N, C-alpha and C. Protein backbone atom coordinates (compact mmCIF):
# COMPACT_ATOMS: atom_id res chain seq x y z
N UNK A 1 -12.18 -5.31 -5.19
CA UNK A 1 -11.76 -6.95 -5.02
C UNK A 1 -13.46 -7.76 -5.00
N UNK A 2 -13.66 -8.31 -6.02
CA UNK A 2 -14.35 -9.62 -5.41
C UNK A 2 -13.58 -10.82 -4.62
N UNK A 3 -14.11 -11.45 -4.46
CA UNK A 3 -14.43 -12.62 -3.52
C UNK A 3 -13.17 -13.27 -3.65
N UNK A 4 -13.54 -14.22 -4.70
CA UNK A 4 -12.49 -14.84 -5.18
C UNK A 4 -11.15 -14.28 -5.16
N UNK A 5 -10.94 -13.08 -5.84
CA UNK A 5 -9.44 -12.82 -5.97
C UNK A 5 -9.05 -12.10 -4.42
N UNK A 6 -10.15 -11.78 -3.02
CA UNK A 6 -9.97 -11.66 -2.41
C UNK A 6 -9.01 -12.70 -1.41
N UNK A 7 -9.97 -13.58 -1.63
CA UNK A 7 -9.28 -14.88 -1.33
C UNK A 7 -8.03 -15.11 -1.51
N UNK A 8 -7.64 -15.60 -2.79
CA UNK A 8 -6.78 -15.98 -3.56
C UNK A 8 -5.52 -15.00 -2.88
N UNK A 9 -5.54 -13.91 -2.79
CA UNK A 9 -4.65 -12.65 -1.94
C UNK A 9 -4.04 -13.02 -0.60
N UNK A 10 -5.19 -13.08 -0.26
CA UNK A 10 -4.92 -13.87 1.48
C UNK A 10 -4.21 -14.71 1.38
N UNK A 11 -4.61 -16.10 0.19
CA UNK A 11 -3.70 -17.30 0.62
C UNK A 11 -2.27 -17.11 -0.01
N UNK A 12 -2.32 -16.20 -1.37
CA UNK A 12 -0.49 -15.69 -0.83
C UNK A 12 0.15 -15.23 0.41
N UNK A 13 -0.68 -14.42 0.50
CA UNK A 13 0.07 -13.62 2.02
C UNK A 13 0.11 -14.68 3.13
N UNK A 14 -0.83 -15.22 3.02
CA UNK A 14 -0.32 -16.17 4.57
C UNK A 14 0.79 -17.32 3.80
N UNK A 15 1.09 -17.63 3.07
CA UNK A 15 1.98 -18.87 2.10
C UNK A 15 2.92 -17.70 2.22
N UNK A 16 3.40 -16.73 1.61
CA UNK A 16 4.94 -15.88 2.32
C UNK A 16 4.97 -15.87 3.55
N UNK A 17 4.17 -15.53 4.93
CA UNK A 17 4.11 -15.14 6.01
C UNK A 17 4.72 -16.75 6.54
N UNK A 18 4.17 -17.91 6.38
CA UNK A 18 4.42 -19.16 6.97
C UNK A 18 5.98 -19.50 6.76
N UNK A 19 6.17 -19.26 4.76
CA UNK A 19 7.43 -19.31 4.72
C UNK A 19 8.50 -18.73 5.42
N UNK A 20 8.08 -17.62 5.74
CA UNK A 20 9.06 -16.37 6.10
C UNK A 20 9.38 -16.70 7.73
N UNK A 21 8.29 -17.03 7.71
CA UNK A 21 8.33 -17.53 9.39
C UNK A 21 8.99 -18.66 9.52
N UNK A 22 8.79 -20.00 8.73
CA UNK A 22 9.70 -20.94 9.21
C UNK A 22 11.57 -20.47 9.12
N UNK A 23 11.50 -19.94 8.00
CA UNK A 23 12.38 -19.86 8.11
C UNK A 23 13.65 -19.12 8.86
N UNK A 24 12.94 -18.19 9.64
CA UNK A 24 13.62 -16.97 11.21
C UNK A 24 13.22 -18.24 11.98
N UNK A 25 12.59 -19.67 12.06
CA UNK A 25 12.39 -20.49 12.88
C UNK A 25 13.61 -21.59 13.12
N UNK A 26 13.48 -22.13 11.59
CA UNK A 26 15.14 -22.42 11.32
C UNK A 26 16.29 -21.88 11.64
N UNK A 27 16.24 -20.91 11.46
CA UNK A 27 17.94 -19.91 11.97
C UNK A 27 18.04 -19.60 13.41
N UNK A 28 16.42 -19.62 13.88
CA UNK A 28 16.93 -19.77 15.55
C UNK A 28 16.93 -20.52 16.45
N UNK A 29 15.45 -20.74 16.18
CA UNK A 29 16.13 -22.58 16.61
C UNK A 29 16.83 -23.26 16.60
N UNK A 30 16.83 -23.30 15.06
CA UNK A 30 18.05 -25.07 14.48
C UNK A 30 19.70 -23.97 14.52
N UNK A 31 19.69 -23.23 14.17
CA UNK A 31 20.66 -22.52 13.98
C UNK A 31 21.36 -21.88 15.32
N UNK A 32 20.68 -21.37 16.66
CA UNK A 32 21.06 -21.48 17.56
C UNK A 32 20.75 -22.06 19.06
N UNK A 33 20.33 -23.45 18.73
CA UNK A 33 19.99 -24.25 19.97
C UNK A 33 20.40 -25.69 19.25
N UNK A 34 19.52 -26.59 18.13
CA UNK A 34 20.00 -27.69 18.02
C UNK A 34 21.08 -27.73 17.38
N UNK A 35 22.07 -27.25 16.70
CA UNK A 35 22.92 -27.21 16.31
C UNK A 35 24.08 -26.24 16.91
N UNK A 36 24.01 -25.40 17.68
CA UNK A 36 25.17 -24.71 18.00
C UNK A 36 26.15 -25.54 18.28
N UNK A 37 25.80 -26.84 18.73
CA UNK A 37 27.35 -27.44 18.93
C UNK A 37 28.48 -27.64 18.01
N UNK A 38 27.38 -28.56 16.38
CA UNK A 38 28.17 -28.10 15.50
C UNK A 38 28.90 -27.68 14.34
N UNK A 39 27.98 -26.04 15.12
CA UNK A 39 28.22 -24.67 14.77
C UNK A 39 29.51 -23.90 14.95
N UNK A 40 29.24 -24.39 16.52
CA UNK A 40 30.55 -23.75 16.92
C UNK A 40 31.71 -23.86 17.45
N UNK A 41 32.22 -25.05 16.01
CA UNK A 41 33.66 -25.06 15.92
C UNK A 41 33.59 -24.24 14.79
N UNK A 42 33.07 -23.80 14.15
CA UNK A 42 33.44 -22.65 13.47
C UNK A 42 33.25 -21.22 14.17
N UNK A 43 34.11 -20.52 13.33
CA UNK A 43 34.54 -19.28 14.19
C UNK A 43 33.47 -17.53 13.46
N UNK A 44 33.29 -17.17 13.52
CA UNK A 44 32.46 -16.22 12.74
C UNK A 44 32.63 -14.65 13.52
N UNK A 45 33.40 -14.09 12.89
CA UNK A 45 33.84 -12.81 13.57
C UNK A 45 33.91 -12.80 14.52
N UNK A 46 35.33 -13.71 15.58
CA UNK A 46 35.23 -13.81 16.48
C UNK A 46 34.69 -14.87 17.79
N UNK A 47 33.52 -15.51 17.06
CA UNK A 47 32.91 -15.61 18.18
C UNK A 47 32.62 -17.03 17.30
N UNK A 48 32.11 -18.08 18.31
CA UNK A 48 31.62 -19.68 17.63
C UNK A 48 29.98 -19.00 17.26
N UNK A 49 30.13 -19.88 15.66
CA UNK A 49 29.24 -19.96 14.77
C UNK A 49 27.69 -20.25 15.72
N UNK A 50 27.31 -21.38 16.53
CA UNK A 50 26.84 -21.46 16.84
C UNK A 50 26.06 -20.37 17.98
N UNK A 51 26.79 -19.44 18.91
CA UNK A 51 26.45 -18.50 19.64
C UNK A 51 26.16 -17.43 18.71
N UNK A 52 26.92 -17.18 18.29
CA UNK A 52 26.63 -15.90 17.39
C UNK A 52 25.27 -16.06 16.83
N UNK A 53 24.58 -17.64 15.74
CA UNK A 53 22.87 -17.19 15.31
C UNK A 53 22.44 -17.15 17.00
N UNK A 54 22.59 -17.41 18.18
CA UNK A 54 21.90 -17.61 19.40
C UNK A 54 21.78 -16.33 19.69
N UNK A 55 22.65 -15.22 19.81
CA UNK A 55 22.96 -13.80 20.12
C UNK A 55 22.05 -12.70 19.04
N UNK A 56 22.78 -13.25 18.26
CA UNK A 56 22.84 -11.65 16.76
C UNK A 56 22.05 -12.36 15.88
N UNK A 57 22.31 -13.27 15.15
CA UNK A 57 21.81 -13.75 13.81
C UNK A 57 20.57 -14.43 14.13
N UNK A 58 19.81 -14.91 14.33
CA UNK A 58 19.03 -14.90 14.77
C UNK A 58 17.36 -13.14 14.47
N UNK A 59 18.55 -12.47 15.08
CA UNK A 59 18.13 -11.53 14.93
C UNK A 59 18.06 -9.96 13.73
N UNK A 60 19.84 -10.70 13.17
CA UNK A 60 19.75 -10.30 11.97
C UNK A 60 18.72 -10.88 10.92
N UNK A 61 18.46 -12.06 10.70
CA UNK A 61 17.69 -12.98 9.64
C UNK A 61 16.08 -12.15 9.77
N UNK A 62 16.12 -12.04 10.87
CA UNK A 62 14.61 -11.21 11.41
C UNK A 62 14.26 -9.63 10.55
N UNK A 63 15.51 -9.38 10.49
CA UNK A 63 15.05 -8.22 10.13
C UNK A 63 15.14 -7.91 8.77
N UNK A 64 16.48 -8.87 8.11
CA UNK A 64 16.19 -9.52 6.61
C UNK A 64 14.62 -9.81 5.84
N UNK A 65 14.38 -10.32 7.05
CA UNK A 65 13.22 -11.20 7.02
C UNK A 65 11.88 -10.29 6.07
N UNK A 66 12.03 -9.07 7.80
CA UNK A 66 10.55 -8.18 6.62
C UNK A 66 11.02 -7.59 6.01
N UNK A 67 12.31 -7.40 5.58
CA UNK A 67 12.38 -6.28 4.37
C UNK A 67 11.97 -7.64 3.08
N UNK A 68 12.34 -8.63 3.73
CA UNK A 68 11.90 -8.95 1.98
C UNK A 68 9.87 -9.38 1.95
N UNK A 69 9.74 -9.34 3.26
CA UNK A 69 8.43 -9.71 3.67
C UNK A 69 7.75 -8.29 2.63
N UNK A 70 7.76 -7.12 3.19
CA UNK A 70 7.59 -6.11 2.78
C UNK A 70 7.65 -5.94 1.19
N UNK A 71 8.96 -6.34 -0.09
CA UNK A 71 8.83 -6.70 -0.74
C UNK A 71 7.78 -7.63 -1.58
N UNK A 72 7.47 -8.21 -0.98
CA UNK A 72 6.69 -9.71 -1.67
C UNK A 72 5.46 -9.14 -1.58
N UNK A 73 4.79 -7.93 -0.75
CA UNK A 73 3.68 -7.27 -0.34
C UNK A 73 3.58 -6.32 -1.21
N UNK A 74 4.44 -5.84 -1.76
CA UNK A 74 4.75 -4.54 -2.68
C UNK A 74 4.19 -5.12 -4.10
N UNK A 75 5.16 -6.58 -4.04
CA UNK A 75 4.28 -6.73 -5.67
C UNK A 75 3.33 -7.55 -5.61
N UNK A 76 2.67 -8.19 -4.62
CA UNK A 76 1.26 -9.12 -4.68
C UNK A 76 0.64 -7.60 -4.66
N UNK A 77 0.59 -6.30 -4.08
CA UNK A 77 -0.68 -5.47 -3.93
C UNK A 77 -0.38 -4.87 -5.73
N UNK A 78 0.90 -5.34 -6.28
CA UNK A 78 0.56 -4.21 -7.62
C UNK A 78 -0.02 -5.30 -9.02
N UNK A 79 0.02 -7.12 -8.19
CA UNK A 79 -0.60 -8.00 -9.18
C UNK A 79 -1.74 -8.29 -8.81
N UNK A 80 -2.59 -7.83 -7.77
CA UNK A 80 -4.22 -7.57 -7.71
C UNK A 80 -4.42 -6.17 -7.15
N UNK A 81 -3.57 -5.40 -7.97
CA UNK A 81 -4.23 -4.16 -7.77
C UNK A 81 -4.85 -3.34 -6.92
N UNK A 82 -3.90 -3.52 -5.70
CA UNK A 82 -4.64 -2.78 -4.37
C UNK A 82 -3.41 -1.92 -3.95
N UNK A 83 -2.16 -1.97 -4.61
CA UNK A 83 -1.26 -0.89 -3.80
C UNK A 83 -1.71 0.53 -4.05
N UNK A 84 -0.79 0.76 -2.76
CA UNK A 84 -1.14 2.57 -2.43
C UNK A 84 -1.03 3.49 -3.57
N UNK A 85 0.13 3.44 -4.40
CA UNK A 85 0.79 4.40 -5.36
C UNK A 85 -0.02 4.07 -6.94
């Protein structure tokens, strides 16, 4: 892979990472801490929604974001012809 292509590949990779980590931060910190009081007025599966995000929701979102990252990176690898298959 030439230098320009390599740099472009890593810029997109870092963009994906930053976006996905920002989403996780908003869900875990925002929904679990900052907006917990407002979200606790809503019940989800019998629990206040803010409590649910703080205890389980952010973990679920993190796992989902891992799968999204894998899919994005597989597409990026294929686009830059560095995929394994």
